[in-house]
Protein backbone atom coordinates (compact mmCIF):
# COMPACT_ATOMS: atom_id res chain seq x y z
CA UNK A 1 4.59 27.55 40.11
CA UNK A 2 6.32 24.34 39.05
CA UNK A 3 8.45 24.26 35.89
CA UNK A 4 9.87 20.86 34.85
CA UNK A 5 13.55 20.43 34.10
CA UNK A 6 13.87 17.75 31.45
CA UNK A 7 17.44 16.76 32.35
CA UNK A 8 16.87 16.93 36.11
CA UNK A 9 19.03 13.88 36.96
CA UNK A 10 22.68 14.97 36.89
CA UNK A 11 21.99 17.25 33.95
CA UNK A 12 21.71 14.21 31.67
CA UNK A 13 18.71 13.85 29.37
CA UNK A 14 19.41 10.14 28.80
CA UNK A 15 19.75 9.34 32.50
CA UNK A 16 16.60 11.32 33.29
CA UNK A 17 14.77 9.42 30.55
CA UNK A 18 15.64 6.15 32.31
CA UNK A 19 13.90 7.38 35.44
CA UNK A 20 10.99 8.76 33.41
CA UNK A 21 10.45 5.33 31.84
CA UNK A 22 10.14 3.57 35.22
CA UNK A 23 6.34 4.02 35.62
CA UNK A 24 5.70 2.59 32.14
CA UNK A 25 8.12 -0.30 32.60
CA UNK A 26 6.54 -1.07 35.96
CA UNK A 27 3.04 -1.04 34.48
CA UNK A 28 3.87 -3.37 31.59
CA UNK A 29 5.94 -5.77 33.71
CA UNK A 30 3.22 -6.05 36.34
CA UNK A 31 0.64 -6.73 33.65
CA UNK A 32 2.58 -8.95 31.27
CA UNK A 33 5.07 -10.76 33.51
CA UNK A 34 3.66 -10.74 37.04
CA UNK A 35 0.07 -11.07 35.72
CA UNK A 36 -1.20 -8.68 38.36
CA UNK A 37 -4.76 -7.40 38.23
CA UNK A 38 -4.91 -4.25 36.12
CA UNK A 39 -6.34 -2.00 38.82
CA UNK A 40 -3.59 -2.94 41.28
CA UNK A 41 -0.86 -2.68 38.63
CA UNK A 42 -2.14 0.77 37.69
CA UNK A 43 -2.17 1.98 41.30
CA UNK A 44 1.37 0.72 41.94
CA UNK A 45 2.62 2.29 38.71
CA UNK A 46 0.95 5.55 39.73
CA UNK A 47 2.89 5.39 43.00
CA UNK A 48 6.14 4.95 41.04
CA UNK A 49 5.25 7.93 38.83
CA UNK A 50 4.64 10.07 41.92
CA UNK A 51 7.97 8.99 43.46
CA UNK A 52 9.86 9.75 40.24
CA UNK A 53 8.14 13.15 40.00
CA UNK A 54 8.94 14.12 43.59
CA UNK A 55 12.41 12.58 43.95
CA UNK A 56 13.98 12.77 40.48
CA UNK A 57 12.68 16.07 39.07
CA UNK A 58 11.79 17.25 41.85
CA UNK A 59 8.15 18.25 41.79
CA UNK A 60 6.43 19.51 44.97
CA UNK A 61 4.38 16.73 46.56
CA UNK A 62 1.22 18.83 46.58
CA UNK A 63 1.49 19.65 42.87
CA UNK A 64 2.12 15.99 42.01
CA UNK A 65 -0.94 14.85 43.97
CA UNK A 66 -3.10 17.56 42.44
CA UNK A 67 -2.00 16.50 38.94
CA UNK A 68 -2.94 12.92 39.82
CA UNK A 69 -6.36 14.03 41.06
CA UNK A 70 -7.04 15.95 37.84
CA UNK A 71 -6.01 12.91 35.79
CA UNK A 72 -8.32 10.66 37.78
CA UNK A 73 -11.18 13.12 37.26
CA UNK A 74 -10.48 13.20 33.51
CA UNK A 75 -10.47 9.41 33.54
CA UNK A 76 -14.03 9.48 34.81
CA UNK A 77 -15.22 12.42 32.74
CA UNK A 78 -15.33 12.18 29.82
CA UNK A 79 -13.81 8.73 29.29
CA UNK A 80 -15.68 6.51 31.74
CA UNK A 81 -18.78 8.67 31.34
CA UNK A 82 -18.87 7.50 27.72
CA UNK A 83 -18.01 3.85 28.36
CA UNK A 84 -20.44 3.35 31.27
CA UNK A 85 -23.37 4.92 29.45
CA UNK A 86 -22.67 2.99 26.24
CA UNK A 87 -22.62 -0.29 28.15
CA UNK A 88 -25.79 0.74 30.00
CA UNK A 89 -27.63 1.03 26.68
CA UNK A 90 -26.27 -2.37 25.70
CA UNK A 91 -27.25 -3.92 29.06
CA UNK A 92 -30.83 -2.69 28.66
CA UNK A 93 -31.06 -4.59 25.37
CA UNK A 94 -29.78 -7.71 27.14
CA UNK A 95 -32.41 -7.48 29.88
CA UNK A 96 -35.23 -7.01 27.39
CA UNK A 97 -34.05 -9.84 25.13
CA UNK A 98 -33.45 -7.55 22.16
CA UNK A 99 -29.75 -8.26 22.19
CA UNK A 100 -30.55 -11.93 21.46
CA UNK A 101 -32.54 -10.78 18.44
CA UNK A 102 -29.58 -8.67 17.31
CA UNK A 103 -27.25 -11.64 17.82
CA UNK A 104 -29.49 -13.90 15.74
CA UNK A 105 -29.66 -11.23 13.06
CA UNK A 106 -25.86 -11.10 12.83
CA UNK A 107 -25.72 -14.90 12.90
CA UNK A 108 -28.04 -15.08 9.88
CA UNK A 109 -25.64 -12.97 7.84
CA UNK A 110 -23.19 -15.85 8.27
CA UNK A 111 -23.08 -18.82 10.62
CA UNK A 112 -19.27 -18.83 10.31
CA UNK A 113 -17.67 -17.30 13.40
CA UNK A 114 -14.70 -16.07 11.39
CA UNK A 115 -17.01 -13.92 9.29
CA UNK A 116 -19.02 -12.89 12.35
CA UNK A 117 -15.81 -11.78 14.04
CA UNK A 118 -14.87 -9.58 11.08
CA UNK A 119 -18.32 -8.00 10.68
CA UNK A 120 -18.92 -7.39 14.39
CA UNK A 121 -15.46 -6.57 15.75
CA UNK A 122 -14.13 -4.71 12.70
CA UNK A 123 -17.10 -3.20 10.81
CA UNK A 124 -19.57 -2.67 13.65
CA UNK A 125 -16.71 -1.84 16.04
CA UNK A 126 -15.49 0.83 13.61
CA UNK A 127 -18.96 2.38 13.58
CA UNK A 128 -19.03 2.48 17.39
CA UNK A 129 -15.52 3.95 17.40
CA UNK A 130 -16.65 6.61 14.94
CA UNK A 131 -19.53 7.61 17.21
CA UNK A 132 -18.28 7.22 20.77
CA UNK A 133 -14.72 5.86 20.96
CA UNK A 134 -12.97 5.68 24.34
CA UNK A 135 -13.32 1.91 24.81
CA UNK A 136 -16.97 1.64 23.79
CA UNK A 137 -16.42 -0.61 20.72
CA UNK A 138 -14.20 -2.98 22.68
CA UNK A 139 -16.77 -3.34 25.45
CA UNK A 140 -19.79 -3.90 23.23
CA UNK A 141 -18.31 -6.02 20.42
CA UNK A 142 -16.48 -8.36 22.80
CA UNK A 143 -19.74 -9.15 24.59
CA UNK A 144 -21.52 -9.67 21.27
CA UNK A 145 -18.86 -12.18 20.25
CA UNK A 146 -19.23 -14.06 23.54
CA UNK A 147 -22.97 -14.25 22.91
CA UNK A 148 -22.22 -15.81 19.53
CA UNK A 149 -20.17 -18.58 21.14
CA UNK A 150 -16.64 -17.16 21.34
CA UNK A 151 -14.60 -17.93 24.42
CA UNK A 152 -14.29 -14.79 26.57
CA UNK A 153 -10.53 -14.27 26.22
CA UNK A 154 -10.64 -14.86 22.47
CA UNK A 155 -13.58 -12.48 22.09
CA UNK A 156 -11.76 -9.78 24.02
CA UNK A 157 -8.56 -10.34 22.01
CA UNK A 158 -10.41 -10.06 18.70
CA UNK A 159 -12.20 -6.88 19.84
CA UNK A 160 -8.95 -5.27 21.01
CA UNK A 161 -7.02 -6.04 17.81
CA UNK A 162 -9.93 -4.85 15.68
CA UNK A 163 -9.93 -1.51 17.48
CA UNK A 164 -6.94 -0.12 15.56
CA UNK A 165 -7.48 1.25 12.04
CA UNK A 166 -10.59 3.31 12.96
CA UNK A 167 -9.13 4.92 16.11
CA UNK A 168 -7.44 7.98 14.58
CA UNK A 169 -10.80 9.16 13.20
CA UNK A 170 -12.81 7.96 16.21
CA UNK A 171 -15.40 10.03 18.08
CA UNK A 172 -16.04 12.05 14.90
CA UNK A 173 -12.31 12.68 14.33
CA UNK A 174 -11.64 14.29 17.72
CA UNK A 175 -8.02 12.97 17.74
CA UNK A 176 -7.32 14.74 14.44
CA UNK A 177 -8.92 18.04 15.46
CA UNK A 178 -7.04 17.91 18.77
CA UNK A 179 -3.78 17.29 16.91
CA UNK A 180 -4.47 20.30 14.70
CA UNK A 181 -5.13 22.45 17.75
CA UNK A 182 -1.88 21.60 19.56
CA UNK A 183 0.33 21.73 16.46
CA UNK A 184 -1.20 24.66 14.59
CA UNK A 185 -1.25 22.58 11.39
CA UNK A 186 -4.34 22.52 9.12
CA UNK A 187 -6.90 19.86 10.02
CA UNK A 188 -7.31 18.78 6.41
CA UNK A 189 -3.55 18.26 5.91
CA UNK A 190 -3.33 16.09 9.01
CA UNK A 191 -6.46 14.13 8.12
CA UNK A 192 -5.17 13.56 4.58
CA UNK A 193 -1.83 12.30 5.91
CA UNK A 194 -3.38 9.98 8.48
CA UNK A 195 -5.77 8.88 5.72
CA UNK A 196 -2.73 7.74 3.77
CA UNK A 197 -1.34 5.68 6.67
CA UNK A 198 -4.08 3.95 8.69
CA UNK A 199 -5.89 2.54 5.62
CA UNK A 200 -2.92 0.20 5.21
CA UNK A 201 -3.77 -1.23 8.63
CA UNK A 202 -7.39 -1.55 7.56
CA UNK A 203 -6.40 -3.87 4.72
CA UNK A 204 -4.69 -6.38 7.02
CA UNK A 205 -6.67 -6.20 10.28
CA UNK A 206 -9.59 -8.42 9.07
CA UNK A 207 -7.07 -11.13 8.12
CA UNK A 208 -5.41 -10.77 11.52
CA UNK A 209 -8.77 -11.29 13.24
CA UNK A 210 -9.38 -14.52 11.32
CA UNK A 211 -5.84 -15.65 12.14
CA UNK A 212 -6.63 -15.18 15.84
CA UNK A 213 -9.92 -17.04 15.50
CA UNK A 214 -8.94 -19.99 13.29
CA UNK A 215 -5.24 -19.81 12.40
CA UNK A 216 -3.63 -19.81 8.92
CA UNK A 217 -6.14 -22.31 7.51
CA UNK A 218 -8.98 -19.97 8.40
CA UNK A 219 -7.22 -17.06 6.71
CA UNK A 220 -6.97 -19.03 3.45
CA UNK A 221 -10.61 -20.18 3.59
CA UNK A 222 -11.98 -16.68 4.22
CA UNK A 223 -9.60 -14.64 2.06
CA UNK A 224 -12.27 -13.25 -0.34
CA UNK A 225 -14.27 -11.86 2.61
CA UNK A 226 -11.33 -10.39 4.49
CA UNK A 227 -9.86 -8.84 1.34
CA UNK A 228 -13.19 -7.26 0.34
CA UNK A 229 -13.80 -6.01 3.88
CA UNK A 230 -10.29 -4.64 4.39
CA UNK A 231 -9.84 -3.10 0.95
CA UNK A 232 -13.24 -1.39 0.88
CA UNK A 233 -12.66 -0.03 4.38
CA UNK A 234 -9.24 1.28 3.38
CA UNK A 235 -10.47 2.90 0.17
CA UNK A 236 -13.46 4.49 1.89
CA UNK A 237 -11.33 5.77 4.77
CA UNK A 238 -8.74 7.21 2.37
CA UNK A 239 -11.31 8.85 0.09
CA UNK A 240 -13.46 10.28 2.89
CA UNK A 241 -10.52 11.66 4.89
CA UNK A 242 -8.90 13.23 1.84
CA UNK A 243 -11.83 14.44 -0.26
CA UNK A 244 -15.15 14.31 1.56
CA UNK A 245 -15.55 14.84 5.33
CA UNK A 246 -13.01 14.35 8.11
CA UNK A 247 -15.59 13.81 10.93
CA UNK A 248 -17.53 11.24 8.89
CA UNK A 249 -14.46 9.24 7.84
CA UNK A 250 -15.00 6.17 10.02
CA UNK A 251 -18.79 6.19 9.65
CA UNK A 252 -18.48 5.99 5.87
CA UNK A 253 -15.66 3.42 6.01
CA UNK A 254 -17.54 1.18 8.47
CA UNK A 255 -20.79 1.22 6.53
CA UNK A 256 -19.12 0.70 3.15
CA UNK A 257 -17.00 -2.25 4.36
CA UNK A 258 -19.97 -3.87 6.12
CA UNK A 259 -22.22 -3.48 3.07
CA UNK A 260 -19.54 -4.83 0.73
CA UNK A 261 -18.95 -7.86 2.93
CA UNK A 262 -22.65 -8.65 3.31
CA UNK A 263 -23.16 -8.33 -0.45
CA UNK A 264 -20.24 -10.69 -1.08
CA UNK A 265 -21.79 -13.27 1.26
CA UNK A 266 -24.86 -13.37 -0.97
CA UNK A 267 -22.79 -14.90 -3.77
CA UNK A 268 -19.90 -16.55 -1.90
CA UNK A 269 -19.47 -18.63 1.24
CA UNK A 270 -16.39 -20.27 2.80
CA UNK A 271 -15.99 -23.91 1.82
CA UNK A 272 -16.35 -24.86 5.47
CA UNK A 273 -18.06 -23.28 8.47
CA UNK A 274 -16.06 -22.53 11.60
CA UNK A 275 -17.91 -22.71 14.91
CA UNK A 276 -15.86 -22.73 18.08
CA UNK A 277 -16.59 -25.60 20.44
CA UNK A 278 -18.18 -24.45 23.69
CA UNK A 279 -19.19 -26.20 26.85
CA UNK A 280 -22.51 -28.05 26.60
CA UNK A 281 -25.33 -25.58 27.05
CA UNK A 282 -22.97 -22.60 26.61
CA UNK A 283 -25.03 -19.49 26.27
CA UNK A 284 -25.17 -17.91 22.92
CA UNK A 285 -23.29 -20.57 20.97
CA UNK A 286 -23.99 -20.36 17.28
CA UNK A 287 -23.72 -24.15 17.32
CA UNK A 288 -27.16 -24.28 18.91
CA UNK A 289 -30.15 -24.92 16.62
CA UNK A 290 -31.34 -21.68 15.08
CA UNK A 291 -34.57 -20.41 16.62
CA UNK A 292 -37.56 -19.46 14.53
CA UNK A 293 -37.13 -16.27 12.58
CA UNK A 294 -37.76 -13.05 14.51
CA UNK A 295 -40.46 -10.74 13.25
CA UNK A 296 -39.42 -7.61 11.34
CA UNK A 297 -40.74 -5.51 14.24
CA UNK A 298 -38.49 -7.33 16.73
CA UNK A 299 -35.48 -6.97 14.46
CA UNK A 300 -36.23 -3.25 14.10
CA UNK A 301 -36.39 -2.85 17.88
CA UNK A 302 -33.11 -4.76 18.26
CA UNK A 303 -31.32 -2.39 15.91
CA UNK A 304 -33.15 0.68 17.20
CA UNK A 305 -30.71 1.57 20.03
CA UNK A 306 -27.81 1.82 17.62
CA UNK A 307 -29.89 3.72 15.09
CA UNK A 308 -30.89 6.14 17.82
CA UNK A 309 -27.24 6.56 18.87
CA UNK A 310 -26.25 7.35 15.28
CA UNK A 311 -29.13 9.82 14.93
CA UNK A 312 -28.39 11.58 18.24
CA UNK A 313 -24.68 11.93 17.48
CA UNK A 314 -25.42 13.09 13.94
CA UNK A 315 -27.89 15.73 15.15
CA UNK A 316 -25.31 16.92 17.69
CA UNK A 317 -23.00 17.79 14.78
CA UNK A 318 -25.48 20.16 13.12
CA UNK A 319 -23.85 23.60 13.57
CA UNK A 320 -26.62 25.35 15.52
CA UNK A 321 -27.21 22.27 17.73
CA UNK A 322 -23.48 21.88 18.30
CA UNK A 323 -23.24 25.55 19.24
CA UNK A 324 -26.17 25.25 21.67
CA UNK A 325 -24.67 22.19 23.36
CA UNK A 326 -21.28 23.86 23.64
CA UNK A 327 -22.91 26.97 25.10
CA UNK A 328 -23.21 25.35 28.54
CA UNK A 329 -19.64 24.01 28.57
CA UNK A 330 -17.66 25.16 31.58
CA UNK A 331 -13.88 25.47 31.71
CA UNK A 332 -11.87 26.11 34.87
CA UNK A 333 -8.35 25.76 36.22
CA UNK A 334 -7.81 22.79 38.51
CA UNK A 335 -7.73 24.28 42.03
CA UNK A 336 -4.21 24.66 43.42
CA UNK A 337 -2.43 23.23 40.37
CA UNK A 338 0.05 25.78 38.97
CA UNK A 339 2.28 24.56 36.17
CA UNK A 340 4.64 25.86 33.53
CA UNK A 341 5.93 23.93 30.53
CA UNK A 342 9.63 23.14 30.20
CA UNK A 343 10.11 26.29 28.10
CA UNK A 344 8.51 28.49 30.75
CA UNK A 345 5.11 29.05 29.16
CA UNK A 346 1.88 28.53 31.16
CA UNK A 347 0.78 24.89 30.89
CA UNK A 348 -2.68 24.07 29.60
CA UNK A 349 -2.74 20.86 31.65
CA UNK A 350 -4.57 22.38 34.67
CA UNK A 351 -7.40 23.56 32.40
CA UNK A 352 -10.36 21.22 32.92
CA UNK A 353 -13.32 21.30 30.54
CA UNK A 354 -16.75 20.07 31.61
CA UNK A 355 -18.79 19.80 28.43
CA UNK A 356 -21.51 18.03 30.34
CA UNK A 357 -24.19 18.44 27.66
CA UNK A 358 -22.03 18.05 24.55
CA UNK A 359 -20.10 15.07 25.94
CA UNK A 360 -20.46 11.75 24.15
CA UNK A 361 -21.49 10.20 27.45
CA UNK A 362 -24.39 12.61 27.87
CA UNK A 363 -25.48 12.04 24.27
CA UNK A 364 -25.50 8.32 25.06
CA UNK A 365 -27.73 8.98 28.09
CA UNK A 366 -30.13 10.86 25.79
CA UNK A 367 -30.01 8.00 23.29
CA UNK A 368 -30.69 5.54 26.12
CA UNK A 369 -33.74 7.50 27.30
CA UNK A 370 -35.12 7.54 23.75
CA UNK A 371 -34.38 3.82 23.43
CA UNK A 372 -36.26 2.84 26.59
CA UNK A 373 -39.81 3.01 25.15
CA UNK A 374 -38.63 1.51 21.86
CA UNK A 375 -37.41 -1.68 23.55
CA UNK A 376 -40.05 -1.69 26.27
CA UNK A 377 -38.07 -1.18 29.46
CA UNK A 378 -39.47 0.79 32.38
CA UNK A 379 -37.73 3.55 34.32
CA UNK A 380 -37.20 1.46 37.46
CA UNK A 381 -35.63 -1.43 35.55
CA UNK A 382 -33.50 0.94 33.50
CA UNK A 383 -32.22 2.61 36.68
CA UNK A 384 -31.36 -0.73 38.31
CA UNK A 385 -29.56 -1.71 35.13
CA UNK A 386 -27.62 1.55 35.26
CA UNK A 387 -26.45 0.88 38.82
CA UNK A 388 -25.57 -2.70 37.90
CA UNK A 389 -23.41 -1.37 35.05
CA UNK A 390 -21.28 0.56 37.53
CA UNK A 391 -20.89 -2.57 39.65
CA UNK A 392 -19.95 -4.56 36.55
CA UNK A 393 -17.25 -2.05 35.62
CA UNK A 394 -15.95 -1.33 39.13
CA UNK A 395 -12.46 -2.73 38.52
CA UNK A 396 -12.24 -1.06 35.13
CA UNK A 397 -13.26 2.27 36.66
CA UNK A 398 -10.41 2.10 39.19
CA UNK A 399 -7.97 1.08 36.46
CA UNK A 400 -8.90 3.87 34.05
CA UNK A 401 -8.81 6.56 36.73
CA UNK A 402 -5.44 5.32 38.03
CA UNK A 403 -3.89 5.14 34.56
CA UNK A 404 -5.06 8.66 33.67
CA UNK A 405 -3.75 9.90 37.02
CA UNK A 406 -0.40 8.33 36.11
CA UNK A 407 -0.46 10.00 32.69
CA UNK A 408 -1.16 13.42 34.19
CA UNK A 409 1.62 13.05 36.76
CA UNK A 410 4.09 12.04 34.04
CA UNK A 411 3.00 14.95 31.86
CA UNK A 412 2.93 17.58 34.61
CA UNK A 413 6.27 16.60 36.12
CA UNK A 414 8.07 16.49 32.77
CA UNK A 415 8.55 12.72 32.55
CA UNK A 416 6.63 12.48 29.28
CA UNK A 417 8.46 15.45 27.74
CA UNK A 418 11.81 13.99 28.82
CA UNK A 419 11.09 10.74 26.99
CA UNK A 420 9.88 12.57 23.91
CA UNK A 421 12.77 15.03 23.80
CA UNK A 422 15.29 12.23 24.25
CA UNK A 423 13.76 10.34 21.33
CA UNK A 424 13.66 13.51 19.24
CA UNK A 425 17.45 13.68 19.35
CA UNK A 426 17.69 10.88 16.82
CA UNK A 427 17.79 13.23 13.81
CA UNK A 428 16.47 11.81 10.54
CA UNK A 429 15.99 8.43 12.27
CA UNK A 430 13.23 10.14 14.24
CA UNK A 431 10.94 9.22 11.35
CA UNK A 432 11.14 5.63 12.64
CA UNK A 433 10.70 6.64 16.27
CA UNK A 434 7.82 9.05 15.68
CA UNK A 435 5.06 6.38 15.55
CA UNK A 436 6.59 4.72 18.62
CA UNK A 437 6.18 7.97 20.55
CA UNK A 438 2.48 8.04 19.67
CA UNK A 439 2.22 4.35 20.56
CA UNK A 440 3.67 5.04 24.02
CA UNK A 441 1.24 7.92 24.51
CA UNK A 442 -1.81 5.81 23.76
CA UNK A 443 -0.49 2.83 25.71
CA UNK A 444 -0.32 5.06 28.79
CA UNK A 445 -3.47 7.14 28.37
CA UNK A 446 -5.64 4.75 26.36
CA UNK A 447 -6.60 7.62 24.06
CA UNK A 448 -5.25 8.77 20.70
CA UNK A 449 -6.67 12.18 21.55
CA UNK A 450 -4.64 12.36 24.76
CA UNK A 451 -1.51 11.09 23.02
CA UNK A 452 -1.86 13.79 20.37
CA UNK A 453 -2.25 16.36 23.13
CA UNK A 454 0.89 15.08 24.87
CA UNK A 455 3.21 14.70 21.91
CA UNK A 456 1.74 16.61 18.96
CA UNK A 457 3.74 19.81 19.49
CA UNK A 458 6.86 17.83 20.32
CA UNK A 459 6.57 15.90 17.06
CA UNK A 460 6.45 19.17 15.12
CA UNK A 461 9.46 20.61 16.99
CA UNK A 462 11.47 17.40 16.44
CA UNK A 463 10.55 17.36 12.75
CA UNK A 464 11.77 20.93 12.32
CA UNK A 465 15.07 20.10 14.03
CA UNK A 466 15.58 17.02 11.85
CA UNK A 467 14.44 18.62 8.60
CA UNK A 468 11.43 16.32 8.29
CA UNK A 469 7.86 17.09 7.23
CA UNK A 470 5.94 18.47 10.20
CA UNK A 471 2.66 17.17 8.77
CA UNK A 472 4.13 13.68 8.38
CA UNK A 473 5.56 13.49 11.90
CA UNK A 474 2.43 14.89 13.56
CA UNK A 475 0.25 12.43 11.64
CA UNK A 476 2.62 9.58 12.54
CA UNK A 477 1.94 10.31 16.20
CA UNK A 478 -1.76 9.62 15.65
CA UNK A 479 -1.27 6.67 13.27
CA UNK A 480 1.29 5.00 15.52
CA UNK A 481 -0.83 5.75 18.53
CA UNK A 482 -3.77 3.67 17.33
CA UNK A 483 -1.60 0.56 17.76
CA UNK A 484 -1.07 1.26 21.45
CA UNK A 485 -4.82 1.14 22.04
CA UNK A 486 -4.94 -2.65 22.36
CA UNK A 487 -2.27 -2.77 25.10
CA UNK A 488 -3.58 0.18 27.06
CA UNK A 489 -4.41 -0.94 30.62
CA UNK A 490 -7.71 0.92 30.57
CA UNK A 491 -8.81 -0.85 27.38
CA UNK A 492 -7.62 -4.18 28.75
CA UNK A 493 -9.63 -3.57 31.91
CA UNK A 494 -12.76 -2.56 29.97
CA UNK A 495 -12.52 -5.64 27.73
CA UNK A 496 -11.91 -8.02 30.64
CA UNK A 497 -14.79 -6.58 32.66
CA UNK A 498 -17.15 -6.72 29.69
CA UNK A 499 -16.63 -10.46 29.08
CA UNK A 500 -16.48 -11.38 32.75
CA UNK A 501 -12.76 -12.18 33.14
CA UNK A 502 -11.65 -9.32 35.37
CA UNK A 503 -8.25 -10.15 36.81
CA UNK A 504 -6.98 -11.71 33.59
CA UNK A 505 -5.83 -8.48 32.01
CA UNK A 506 -2.27 -9.82 32.04
CA UNK A 507 -3.33 -12.78 29.90
CA UNK A 508 -5.02 -10.41 27.47
CA UNK A 509 -1.94 -8.19 27.40
CA UNK A 510 0.29 -11.08 26.33
CA UNK A 511 -2.19 -12.14 23.64
CA UNK A 512 -2.30 -8.72 21.97
CA UNK A 513 1.25 -7.47 22.60
CA UNK A 514 2.83 -9.14 19.56
CA UNK A 515 0.01 -7.90 17.32
CA UNK A 516 0.57 -4.39 18.63
CA UNK A 517 4.33 -4.53 18.06
CA UNK A 518 3.99 -6.19 14.65
CA UNK A 519 1.58 -3.57 13.30
CA UNK A 520 3.72 -0.83 14.88
CA UNK A 521 6.78 -2.10 12.98
CA UNK A 522 4.75 -1.91 9.76
CA UNK A 523 3.72 1.67 10.54
CA UNK A 524 7.29 2.67 11.41
CA UNK A 525 8.50 1.31 8.07
CA UNK A 526 5.74 3.15 6.20
CA UNK A 527 6.43 6.48 7.93
CA UNK A 528 10.18 6.14 7.33
CA UNK A 529 9.62 5.48 3.62
CA UNK A 530 7.23 8.43 3.47
CA UNK A 531 10.06 10.59 4.88
CA UNK A 532 12.34 9.52 1.99
CA UNK A 533 12.03 10.02 -1.77
CA UNK A 534 10.62 6.48 -2.03
CA UNK A 535 7.15 7.45 -0.74
CA UNK A 536 7.45 11.19 -0.18
CA UNK A 537 4.83 11.66 -2.91
CA UNK A 538 2.26 10.46 -0.38
CA UNK A 539 2.81 13.50 1.87
CA UNK A 540 0.28 16.28 1.10
């Protein structure tokens, strides 16, 4: 039975924290400085994490390897299980030509790529995040933008930056419910607090997307659209999280912001139209002459897959259906992995849940099967498309599994707890560091849910020591975490694979890093002010 010692190196928490940070530093340097392929950077960083666990803590080699194997398995199920199946549904629409109909439908809303970027990456991406999460919106919206004429790296950058404000309430608010479970705090209190933090991001993210697409001039020319989109999203997210329904928060916010933006475009248009120059004959450029209008039946079939996904996920939330799906869930302890927490209690890390029927990935399979006759694709072609999707995402699959293996090794050995405990010693200043802790958690795991699992209880303990609001600090973990999503190696790998630039994850990392840090600084300032009399009235 392994029990981590958080100050294992010479009895010094600070010195141990330096060793604990090595895997993360290695990962980010290899991606951002060396420009190494994400899958190789992740594997090398995993090796560093294993060495730190075995040499610095020390953790038995067998336990460290078993923790890595469980992390890799979790990386595939449920995370990759969701991403692969979501992209399979998308790929079927490409092969049948219905994606082109969908693209033309979006293009008719506005022929301005700045507006298209906001509607697709932010509004539609938020809807996908609300339903599936785990990289699905980045994968699908980035490809849609490429089809509309965006350059691949720019499309991926826009999709990654857009995938921020909705993340805390993604996958029907699983990050919030997980946070409530590990902290013992009421779900509604946490949702209300997060709903008073992330909406601020929602106001500014549409403007940031336009700034990426067309610079400051574009921001000025499209200000009415970005303000309407951002403000309506923020208000809807705040109101739904606080007063209506926590699981439906992002669904309502996405639909309200999209509807408001489309309605605005009926009475207002930018003074100029931005269309990015592409190579002659570039596929999907919105600069090409518009084809004849698609029939209503074709448009219906193009939207049908996403309508089916919404319907399937909504039905899965009906209490008796949800109970039936959960009835076949199996939970077991990872064979051979025996862990205690730093305070000597049995660790929940070795507990592995296989909710094979209730999983978002399985629901996407069901949605895909229902979609097949609607879009006219046969079983043989659908199966070949499914296999091709795995080949398309091969590098991303290795990356995600390696990064989750790294996260599990860091968590099991005590590296993660060492970093968190060291940061928690900052006293009242911890209010500034709290979102950073969540940011680190998501940057490593790629999941706000996983970050809340890692650091939620620690945030509460640190808040109690510093005399801060436990609800505020726990919520800050989730709100700060959403800003680590865009620099997470697994998300970078998914985005790069989706737009066909695998191997350029380092380039993507550098493009989104400043956005991630800039928004994080804004969140840190907000949380700090909420911990003082200046904005303490915002804490429920």
